[in-house]
């Protein structure tokens, strides 16, 4: 890790006196969110692969709902002996 004493020279060479603390990251994220809030309109938003990646990383409700939906499609497929049983596909692929 860059915080260990033996890495002090590398840390100073690449980052100078800049310390990457949780407060530093928090202030950067909050600043970017302030910039985006005025431009984001949920009515105009369409979900894409980046949304799936974010929901998957977080493991939130949209991801769990999509996972349950895909599991049901898979189980229907298996019960039918591997033949397609539905024209419903994954909405995120």
C-alpha atoms as a PDB file:
ATOM      1  CA  UNK A   1       0.000   0.000   0.000  1.00  0.00           C
ATOM      2  CA  UNK A   2       1.107   3.544  -0.613  1.00  0.00           C
ATOM      3  CA  UNK A   3       0.482   4.387   3.040  1.00  0.00           C
ATOM      4  CA  UNK A   4       3.347   2.215   4.279  1.00  0.00           C
ATOM      5  CA  UNK A   5       6.535   4.080   5.274  1.00  0.00           C
ATOM      6  CA  UNK A   6       8.718   2.342   2.657  1.00  0.00           C
ATOM      7  CA  UNK A   7       6.465   3.749  -0.095  1.00  0.00           C
ATOM      8  CA  UNK A   8       6.860   7.386   1.047  1.00  0.00           C
ATOM      9  CA  UNK A   9       9.238   8.250  -1.802  1.00  0.00           C
ATOM     10  CA  UNK A  10       6.952   6.829  -4.488  1.00  0.00           C
ATOM     11  CA  UNK A  11       3.925   8.517  -2.943  1.00  0.00           C
ATOM     12  CA  UNK A  12       5.710  11.878  -2.790  1.00  0.00           C
ATOM     13  CA  UNK A  13       7.041  11.521  -6.351  1.00  0.00           C
ATOM     14  CA  UNK A  14       3.663  10.754  -7.930  1.00  0.00           C
ATOM     15  CA  UNK A  15       1.219  12.617  -5.687  1.00  0.00           C
ATOM     16  CA  UNK A  16       3.209  15.260  -3.839  1.00  0.00           C
ATOM     17  CA  UNK A  17       1.453  16.259  -0.652  1.00  0.00           C
ATOM     18  CA  UNK A  18      -1.962  15.111  -1.875  1.00  0.00           C
ATOM     19  CA  UNK A  19      -3.546  12.639   0.551  1.00  0.00           C
ATOM     20  CA  UNK A  20      -6.348  10.434  -0.754  1.00  0.00           C
ATOM     21  CA  UNK A  21      -8.526  10.342   2.329  1.00  0.00           C
ATOM     22  CA  UNK A  22     -12.199   9.331   2.507  1.00  0.00           C
ATOM     23  CA  UNK A  23     -13.005  13.034   2.898  1.00  0.00           C
ATOM     24  CA  UNK A  24     -11.087  13.841  -0.308  1.00  0.00           C
ATOM     25  CA  UNK A  25     -13.083  11.227  -2.267  1.00  0.00           C
ATOM     26  CA  UNK A  26     -16.363  12.299  -0.656  1.00  0.00           C
ATOM     27  CA  UNK A  27     -15.847  15.942  -1.615  1.00  0.00           C
ATOM     28  CA  UNK A  28     -15.032  14.962  -5.225  1.00  0.00           C
ATOM     29  CA  UNK A  29     -18.107  12.760  -5.544  1.00  0.00           C
ATOM     30  CA  UNK A  30     -20.375  15.387  -3.986  1.00  0.00           C
ATOM     31  CA  UNK A  31     -19.015  18.021  -6.364  1.00  0.00           C
ATOM     32  CA  UNK A  32     -19.655  15.820  -9.405  1.00  0.00           C
ATOM     33  CA  UNK A  33     -23.148  14.959  -8.199  1.00  0.00           C
ATOM     34  CA  UNK A  34     -23.932  18.671  -7.881  1.00  0.00           C
ATOM     35  CA  UNK A  35     -22.874  19.113 -11.520  1.00  0.00           C
ATOM     36  CA  UNK A  36     -25.036  16.225 -12.726  1.00  0.00           C
ATOM     37  CA  UNK A  37     -28.214  16.890 -10.741  1.00  0.00           C
ATOM     38  CA  UNK A  38     -29.194  19.865 -12.889  1.00  0.00           C
ATOM     39  CA  UNK A  39     -28.719  17.883 -16.113  1.00  0.00           C
ATOM     40  CA  UNK A  40     -30.289  14.538 -15.155  1.00  0.00           C
ATOM     41  CA  UNK A  41     -33.955  14.012 -16.008  1.00  0.00           C
ATOM     42  CA  UNK A  42     -35.234  10.579 -14.951  1.00  0.00           C
ATOM     43  CA  UNK A  43     -38.053  10.783 -17.519  1.00  0.00           C
ATOM     44  CA  UNK A  44     -35.468  10.891 -20.325  1.00  0.00           C
ATOM     45  CA  UNK A  45     -33.206   8.166 -18.921  1.00  0.00           C
ATOM     46  CA  UNK A  46     -33.044   4.790 -20.651  1.00  0.00           C
ATOM     47  CA  UNK A  47     -31.259   1.881 -19.004  1.00  0.00           C
ATOM     48  CA  UNK A  48     -28.270   0.322 -20.659  1.00  0.00           C
ATOM     49  CA  UNK A  49     -25.306  -1.938 -19.894  1.00  0.00           C
ATOM     50  CA  UNK A  50     -23.755   0.618 -17.524  1.00  0.00           C
ATOM     51  CA  UNK A  51     -26.917   0.531 -15.408  1.00  0.00           C
ATOM     52  CA  UNK A  52     -26.734  -3.256 -15.188  1.00  0.00           C
ATOM     53  CA  UNK A  53     -23.101  -3.062 -14.110  1.00  0.00           C
ATOM     54  CA  UNK A  54     -23.910  -0.504 -11.416  1.00  0.00           C
ATOM     55  CA  UNK A  55     -26.949  -2.412 -10.135  1.00  0.00           C
ATOM     56  CA  UNK A  56     -24.927  -5.640 -10.121  1.00  0.00           C
ATOM     57  CA  UNK A  57     -22.105  -4.087  -8.107  1.00  0.00           C
ATOM     58  CA  UNK A  58     -24.523  -2.604  -5.597  1.00  0.00           C
ATOM     59  CA  UNK A  59     -26.809  -5.662  -5.531  1.00  0.00           C
ATOM     60  CA  UNK A  60     -29.852  -3.434  -5.191  1.00  0.00           C
ATOM     61  CA  UNK A  61     -33.554  -4.038  -5.896  1.00  0.00           C
ATOM     62  CA  UNK A  62     -33.469  -3.574  -9.736  1.00  0.00           C
ATOM     63  CA  UNK A  63     -30.678  -6.147  -9.993  1.00  0.00           C
ATOM     64  CA  UNK A  64     -32.454  -8.648  -7.737  1.00  0.00           C
ATOM     65  CA  UNK A  65     -35.717  -8.216  -9.671  1.00  0.00           C
ATOM     66  CA  UNK A  66     -33.961  -8.792 -13.006  1.00  0.00           C
ATOM     67  CA  UNK A  67     -32.132 -11.807 -11.584  1.00  0.00           C
ATOM     68  CA  UNK A  68     -35.421 -13.334 -10.378  1.00  0.00           C
ATOM     69  CA  UNK A  69     -37.016 -12.698 -13.785  1.00  0.00           C
ATOM     70  CA  UNK A  70     -34.123 -14.363 -15.598  1.00  0.00           C
ATOM     71  CA  UNK A  71     -34.169 -17.306 -13.198  1.00  0.00           C
ATOM     72  CA  UNK A  72     -37.859 -17.860 -13.942  1.00  0.00           C
ATOM     73  CA  UNK A  73     -37.174 -17.816 -17.694  1.00  0.00           C
ATOM     74  CA  UNK A  74     -34.339 -20.305 -17.177  1.00  0.00           C
ATOM     75  CA  UNK A  75     -36.546 -22.621 -15.099  1.00  0.00           C
ATOM     76  CA  UNK A  76     -39.264 -22.521 -17.772  1.00  0.00           C
ATOM     77  CA  UNK A  77     -36.629 -23.370 -20.374  1.00  0.00           C
ATOM     78  CA  UNK A  78     -35.371 -26.320 -18.320  1.00  0.00           C
ATOM     79  CA  UNK A  79     -38.901 -27.649 -17.609  1.00  0.00           C
ATOM     80  CA  UNK A  80     -39.573 -27.627 -21.347  1.00  0.00           C
ATOM     81  CA  UNK A  81     -36.543 -29.814 -21.940  1.00  0.00           C
ATOM     82  CA  UNK A  82     -34.310 -27.046 -23.200  1.00  0.00           C
ATOM     83  CA  UNK A  83     -36.682 -25.733 -25.842  1.00  0.00           C
ATOM     84  CA  UNK A  84     -37.473 -22.052 -25.857  1.00  0.00           C
ATOM     85  CA  UNK A  85     -40.726 -21.389 -24.025  1.00  0.00           C
ATOM     86  CA  UNK A  86     -40.942 -17.646 -24.270  1.00  0.00           C
ATOM     87  CA  UNK A  87     -40.071 -14.798 -26.583  1.00  0.00           C
ATOM     88  CA  UNK A  88     -39.156 -12.708 -23.523  1.00  0.00           C
ATOM     89  CA  UNK A  89     -35.466 -12.045 -23.476  1.00  0.00           C
ATOM     90  CA  UNK A  90     -33.201 -10.331 -21.069  1.00  0.00           C
ATOM     91  CA  UNK A  91     -33.901  -6.627 -21.213  1.00  0.00           C
ATOM     92  CA  UNK A  92     -30.275  -5.788 -20.432  1.00  0.00           C
ATOM     93  CA  UNK A  93     -28.403  -7.866 -23.002  1.00  0.00           C
END
